[in-house]
């Protein structure tokens, strides 16, 4: 069980899309806003990221970029090169200059109830390639490059894995900065992390603050303050939020009865579950499920 993987799964709305693009300078591409996050991997060559705000960012081989809210942006061989819509009509431009190979794509997220850790991410995450840094991320990029040279059947799964490693690398960097806060702290704290793992592993269990505090050998009051400061919600409020979030996913992704979904969320009464669900989503479980027909 992985907390970041859980967060990504909770926000996912459909499969990620990706395209391998082979370019010869001069070239410039304009990417429109997407309902989720946009990402780019420089598989070969170099280019410039023209972000929504700030100066152009130089990208080199192996660099990874994630645009948290999927804002419109550009990529070009030079900041002065005019941009044309992506995807281009031809994946290989007619230029004769330096070659750049990109993996460009988007993760489609349900942003109506984003996981709280998403709010802590900057608009642009840039992870430069460096020897020995982000080994898991580098391995995923290498595997993606190899898969793109074959039939590409494994690309969707690897693109999902890529997002997980991007987030893990960014939060690990924050923790290494020496003053981690928020979810960077929660993911590494020896007291908070076990409690989060327990909630995610067994959301239906009738957890108490005392039980969760006991996993980190802290008093109930100290644990509750520490958890709330890092996670952004008190322990029981986060438990309820996670139960409702996973229940919503089950309603969409399965044909389970409402009583079965309620039980998986820790409710013995379908009525009590429906009342709690409506407080969170503003709709009954049945009506919510009908919004997303399979």
Protein backbone atom coordinates (compact mmCIF):
# COMPACT_ATOMS: atom_id res chain seq x y z
CA UNK A 1 0.00 0.00 0.00
CA UNK A 2 1.45 3.37 -1.05
CA UNK A 3 0.01 6.68 0.16
CA UNK A 4 1.02 8.57 -2.97
CA UNK A 5 -0.37 5.81 -5.15
CA UNK A 6 -3.62 5.98 -3.20
CA UNK A 7 -3.78 9.75 -3.70
CA UNK A 8 -3.23 9.43 -7.45
CA UNK A 9 -5.84 6.68 -7.73
CA UNK A 10 -8.36 8.77 -5.78
CA UNK A 11 -8.01 11.68 -8.21
CA UNK A 12 -7.80 9.68 -11.44
CA UNK A 13 -10.53 10.22 -14.02
CA UNK A 14 -9.70 8.00 -16.98
CA UNK A 15 -6.41 6.76 -18.33
CA UNK A 16 -3.49 9.10 -18.98
CA UNK A 17 -2.75 10.07 -22.55
CA UNK A 18 0.75 10.32 -23.99
CA UNK A 19 2.45 10.94 -27.32
CA UNK A 20 6.02 10.47 -28.45
CA UNK A 21 7.06 13.43 -30.61
CA UNK A 22 10.21 13.53 -32.75
CA UNK A 23 11.23 17.06 -33.69
CA UNK A 24 13.88 18.87 -35.70
CA UNK A 25 14.68 22.51 -35.02
CA UNK A 26 13.23 25.01 -35.51
CA UNK A 27 10.03 23.98 -33.75
CA UNK A 28 7.58 25.31 -31.16
CA UNK A 29 4.49 23.66 -29.69
CA UNK A 30 1.55 25.20 -27.81
CA UNK A 31 -0.25 23.01 -25.27
CA UNK A 32 -3.79 23.97 -24.27
CA UNK A 33 -5.12 23.62 -20.73
CA UNK A 34 -6.15 20.10 -19.71
CA UNK A 35 -8.45 18.94 -16.84
CA UNK A 36 -5.67 17.51 -14.73
CA UNK A 37 -1.90 17.71 -15.01
CA UNK A 38 0.34 17.93 -18.05
CA UNK A 39 3.76 16.31 -18.19
CA UNK A 40 6.81 16.16 -20.43
CA UNK A 41 9.91 13.97 -20.53
CA UNK A 42 12.88 14.92 -22.69
CA UNK A 43 13.99 11.57 -24.07
CA UNK A 44 16.64 13.05 -26.33
CA UNK A 45 18.01 16.52 -27.07
CA UNK A 46 16.98 19.73 -25.34
CA UNK A 47 14.32 22.43 -25.42
CA UNK A 48 12.73 25.28 -23.47
CA UNK A 49 9.60 25.22 -21.32
CA UNK A 50 7.53 28.37 -21.77
CA UNK A 51 5.57 28.25 -18.52
CA UNK A 52 2.38 30.24 -17.83
CA UNK A 53 4.36 32.49 -15.51
CA UNK A 54 8.03 33.22 -15.07
CA UNK A 55 11.04 32.97 -17.32
CA UNK A 56 11.62 30.17 -19.86
CA UNK A 57 13.14 27.02 -18.31
CA UNK A 58 15.91 25.11 -20.09
CA UNK A 59 15.29 21.36 -20.29
CA UNK A 60 17.94 18.76 -21.07
CA UNK A 61 18.07 15.01 -21.76
CA UNK A 62 16.22 13.07 -19.07
CA UNK A 63 14.54 16.11 -17.55
CA UNK A 64 10.96 15.71 -16.34
CA UNK A 65 8.33 18.43 -15.99
CA UNK A 66 4.89 18.21 -14.37
CA UNK A 67 2.39 21.07 -14.65
CA UNK A 68 0.13 20.53 -11.66
CA UNK A 69 -3.04 22.18 -12.90
CA UNK A 70 -2.54 21.51 -16.59
CA UNK A 71 -2.31 25.19 -17.55
CA UNK A 72 -1.59 26.14 -21.14
CA UNK A 73 2.12 26.40 -21.91
CA UNK A 74 4.67 25.94 -24.66
CA UNK A 75 7.76 23.94 -25.58
CA UNK A 76 10.23 25.12 -28.20
CA UNK A 77 13.77 24.66 -29.40
CA UNK A 78 14.26 28.37 -28.65
CA UNK A 79 12.10 30.78 -26.64
CA UNK A 80 11.78 33.01 -29.71
CA UNK A 81 10.42 30.27 -31.99
CA UNK A 82 6.70 30.71 -32.87
CA UNK A 83 4.37 28.10 -31.37
CA UNK A 84 1.85 25.95 -33.21
CA UNK A 85 -0.88 23.74 -31.70
CA UNK A 86 -0.04 20.36 -30.22
CA UNK A 87 -0.22 17.69 -31.47
CA UNK A 88 1.46 18.78 -34.70
CA UNK A 89 0.08 17.53 -37.99
CA UNK A 90 3.38 15.73 -38.56
CA UNK A 91 5.24 14.19 -35.63
CA UNK A 92 8.59 14.86 -37.31
CA UNK A 93 9.04 18.45 -38.41
CA UNK A 94 10.74 19.36 -41.65
CA UNK A 95 13.50 21.31 -39.90
CA UNK A 96 17.12 20.35 -40.38
CA UNK A 97 18.43 21.46 -36.99
CA UNK A 98 19.10 19.60 -33.75
CA UNK A 99 16.83 16.66 -32.93
CA UNK A 100 14.64 16.52 -29.81
CA UNK A 101 12.48 13.55 -28.80
CA UNK A 102 9.73 14.19 -26.25
CA UNK A 103 7.14 12.20 -24.37
CA UNK A 104 4.21 14.57 -23.81
CA UNK A 105 0.96 13.76 -22.10
CA UNK A 106 -1.68 14.47 -19.51
CA UNK A 107 -3.10 12.87 -16.40
CA UNK A 108 -6.87 13.38 -16.18
CA UNK A 109 -7.91 14.10 -12.60
CA UNK A 110 -11.22 14.70 -10.87
CA UNK A 111 -10.44 18.11 -9.44
CA UNK A 112 -13.78 18.49 -7.66
CA UNK A 113 -12.27 16.68 -4.64
CA UNK A 114 -8.50 16.75 -5.05
CA UNK A 115 -6.33 14.98 -2.52
CA UNK A 116 -5.00 17.60 -0.06
CA UNK A 117 -1.39 16.90 -1.00
CA UNK A 118 -2.10 18.29 -4.48
CA UNK A 119 -2.51 21.78 -3.02
CA UNK A 120 1.09 21.73 -1.79
CA UNK A 121 2.60 21.13 -5.21
CA UNK A 122 4.01 24.11 -7.12
CA UNK A 123 2.47 24.93 -10.48
CA UNK A 124 5.57 23.60 -12.26
CA UNK A 125 7.69 20.71 -10.97
CA UNK A 126 11.01 20.44 -12.81
CA UNK A 127 13.19 17.45 -11.97
CA UNK A 128 16.53 17.81 -13.79
CA UNK A 129 18.41 14.69 -14.74
CA UNK A 130 21.52 14.09 -12.64
CA UNK A 131 23.70 11.00 -12.11
CA UNK A 132 22.51 9.00 -9.11
CA UNK A 133 19.49 11.22 -8.47
CA UNK A 134 15.93 9.84 -8.55
CA UNK A 135 16.99 6.28 -9.50
CA UNK A 136 13.41 4.94 -9.58
CA UNK A 137 12.27 7.81 -11.78
CA UNK A 138 15.24 7.35 -14.10
CA UNK A 139 14.45 3.63 -14.40
CA UNK A 140 10.83 4.41 -15.30
CA UNK A 141 11.99 6.86 -17.99
CA UNK A 142 14.41 4.28 -19.43
CA UNK A 143 11.65 1.67 -19.52
CA UNK A 144 9.32 4.15 -21.22
CA UNK A 145 11.93 4.87 -23.86
CA UNK A 146 12.38 1.17 -24.54
CA UNK A 147 8.63 0.52 -24.63
CA UNK A 148 8.10 3.36 -27.10
CA UNK A 149 10.55 1.66 -29.45
CA UNK A 150 8.38 -1.50 -29.48
CA UNK A 151 4.61 -1.95 -29.70
CA UNK A 152 3.97 0.43 -26.80
CA UNK A 153 1.55 -1.91 -25.01
CA UNK A 154 3.08 -1.16 -21.62
CA UNK A 155 3.15 2.63 -22.01
CA UNK A 156 -0.08 3.46 -20.05
CA UNK A 157 1.07 1.53 -16.98
CA UNK A 158 4.52 3.10 -17.14
CA UNK A 159 3.05 6.58 -17.52
CA UNK A 160 1.00 5.96 -14.36
CA UNK A 161 4.19 4.83 -12.62
CA UNK A 162 5.97 7.94 -13.87
CA UNK A 163 3.54 10.22 -12.04
CA UNK A 164 4.03 8.30 -8.81
CA UNK A 165 7.81 8.65 -9.05
CA UNK A 166 7.59 12.36 -9.95
CA UNK A 167 5.55 13.06 -6.82
CA UNK A 168 7.75 10.86 -4.65
CA UNK A 169 10.91 12.60 -5.89
CA UNK A 170 9.46 16.05 -5.19
CA UNK A 171 8.27 15.20 -1.69
CA UNK A 172 11.57 13.44 -0.91
CA UNK A 173 13.44 16.57 -2.00
CA UNK A 174 11.36 18.68 0.35
CA UNK A 175 12.04 16.30 3.21
CA UNK A 176 15.78 16.47 2.50
CA UNK A 177 15.69 20.27 2.56
CA UNK A 178 15.74 20.03 6.35
CA UNK A 179 12.42 21.74 7.16
CA UNK A 180 9.66 19.55 5.73
CA UNK A 181 6.11 20.66 6.31
CA UNK A 182 2.65 19.51 5.34
CA UNK A 183 2.53 16.28 3.39
CA UNK A 184 6.30 16.21 2.94
CA UNK A 185 6.40 15.83 6.72
CA UNK A 186 3.44 13.45 6.87
CA UNK A 187 5.00 11.03 4.38
CA UNK A 188 8.25 10.79 6.34
CA UNK A 189 7.24 11.37 9.95
CA UNK A 190 7.68 8.18 12.06
CA UNK A 191 4.50 9.02 13.99
CA UNK A 192 2.13 10.34 11.32
CA UNK A 193 3.08 7.96 8.51
CA UNK A 194 2.11 4.77 10.40
CA UNK A 195 -1.25 6.32 11.26
CA UNK A 196 -1.90 7.26 7.62
CA UNK A 197 -0.83 3.80 6.48
CA UNK A 198 -3.29 2.25 8.94
CA UNK A 199 -6.18 4.45 7.77
CA UNK A 200 -5.47 3.71 4.10
CA UNK A 201 -4.98 0.00 4.70
CA UNK A 202 -8.15 -0.47 6.77
CA UNK A 203 -10.53 2.44 6.20
CA UNK A 204 -13.51 0.40 7.43
CA UNK A 205 -12.01 -0.19 10.86
CA UNK A 206 -13.49 1.78 13.74
CA UNK A 207 -10.30 3.69 14.44
CA UNK A 208 -9.96 5.96 17.45
CA UNK A 209 -7.47 8.79 17.91
CA UNK A 210 -5.98 6.86 20.82
CA UNK A 211 -5.36 3.78 18.66
CA UNK A 212 -3.72 5.82 15.91
CA UNK A 213 -1.64 7.75 18.45
CA UNK A 214 -0.50 4.47 19.97
CA UNK A 215 1.15 3.46 16.71
CA UNK A 216 3.54 6.36 17.14
CA UNK A 217 3.73 6.06 20.95
CA UNK A 218 2.43 9.57 21.49
CA UNK A 219 -0.27 10.92 23.73
CA UNK A 220 -3.67 11.40 22.12
CA UNK A 221 -3.53 15.21 22.30
CA UNK A 222 0.05 15.53 21.01
CA UNK A 223 -0.61 13.14 18.16
CA UNK A 224 -3.82 14.92 17.14
CA UNK A 225 -2.04 18.31 16.96
CA UNK A 226 0.91 16.87 15.03
CA UNK A 227 -1.36 15.02 12.58
CA UNK A 228 -3.59 18.04 11.97
CA UNK A 229 -0.64 20.38 11.37
CA UNK A 230 0.85 18.06 8.74
CA UNK A 231 -2.21 16.58 7.03
CA UNK A 232 -4.47 19.62 7.18
CA UNK A 233 -7.33 17.74 8.88
CA UNK A 234 -7.79 16.17 12.34
CA UNK A 235 -7.34 12.38 12.34
CA UNK A 236 -11.05 11.50 12.45
CA UNK A 237 -11.91 14.12 9.81
CA UNK A 238 -9.26 12.69 7.50
CA UNK A 239 -10.54 9.15 8.15
CA UNK A 240 -14.07 10.22 7.15
CA UNK A 241 -12.76 12.08 4.08
CA UNK A 242 -10.76 9.05 2.97
CA UNK A 243 -13.68 6.68 3.55
CA UNK A 244 -15.97 8.84 1.42
CA UNK A 245 -13.32 9.29 -1.27
CA UNK A 246 -12.71 5.55 -1.61
CA UNK A 247 -16.47 4.89 -1.48
CA UNK A 248 -16.98 7.30 -4.38
CA UNK A 249 -14.36 5.43 -6.40
CA UNK A 250 -16.06 2.11 -5.65
CA UNK A 251 -19.42 3.50 -6.74
CA UNK A 252 -17.92 4.53 -10.08
CA UNK A 253 -15.58 1.60 -10.71
CA UNK A 254 -17.69 -1.34 -9.48
CA UNK A 255 -21.17 -2.76 -9.62
CA UNK A 256 -21.20 -3.46 -5.87
CA UNK A 257 -24.46 -2.86 -4.04
CA UNK A 258 -24.77 0.24 -1.89
CA UNK A 259 -24.74 -1.94 1.22
CA UNK A 260 -21.43 -3.51 0.10
CA UNK A 261 -19.90 -0.09 -0.61
CA UNK A 262 -21.12 1.11 2.78
CA UNK A 263 -19.52 -1.85 4.53
CA UNK A 264 -16.20 -1.24 2.76
CA UNK A 265 -16.36 2.35 4.04
CA UNK A 266 -16.93 1.21 7.62
CA UNK A 267 -20.71 1.67 7.88
CA UNK A 268 -22.96 -1.14 9.05
CA UNK A 269 -26.02 0.94 8.17
CA UNK A 270 -26.69 1.84 4.55
CA UNK A 271 -28.78 4.78 5.78
CA UNK A 272 -25.94 6.18 7.91
CA UNK A 273 -23.54 5.78 5.00
CA UNK A 274 -25.91 7.55 2.59
CA UNK A 275 -26.32 10.44 5.02
CA UNK A 276 -22.54 10.81 5.49
CA UNK A 277 -21.94 10.51 1.75
CA UNK A 278 -24.49 13.22 0.95
CA UNK A 279 -22.83 15.57 3.45
CA UNK A 280 -19.54 15.12 1.60
CA UNK A 281 -20.73 15.11 -2.01
CA UNK A 282 -24.05 16.90 -1.95
CA UNK A 283 -25.77 13.90 -3.57
CA UNK A 284 -26.95 10.47 -2.51
CA UNK A 285 -24.70 7.50 -3.40
CA UNK A 286 -27.21 6.31 -6.02
CA UNK A 287 -27.47 9.69 -7.70
CA UNK A 288 -23.69 10.11 -7.60
CA UNK A 289 -23.24 6.73 -9.30
CA UNK A 290 -25.69 7.67 -12.05
CA UNK A 291 -23.54 10.70 -12.91
CA UNK A 292 -20.76 8.35 -14.02
CA UNK A 293 -22.34 5.51 -15.98
CA UNK A 294 -19.91 2.71 -16.85
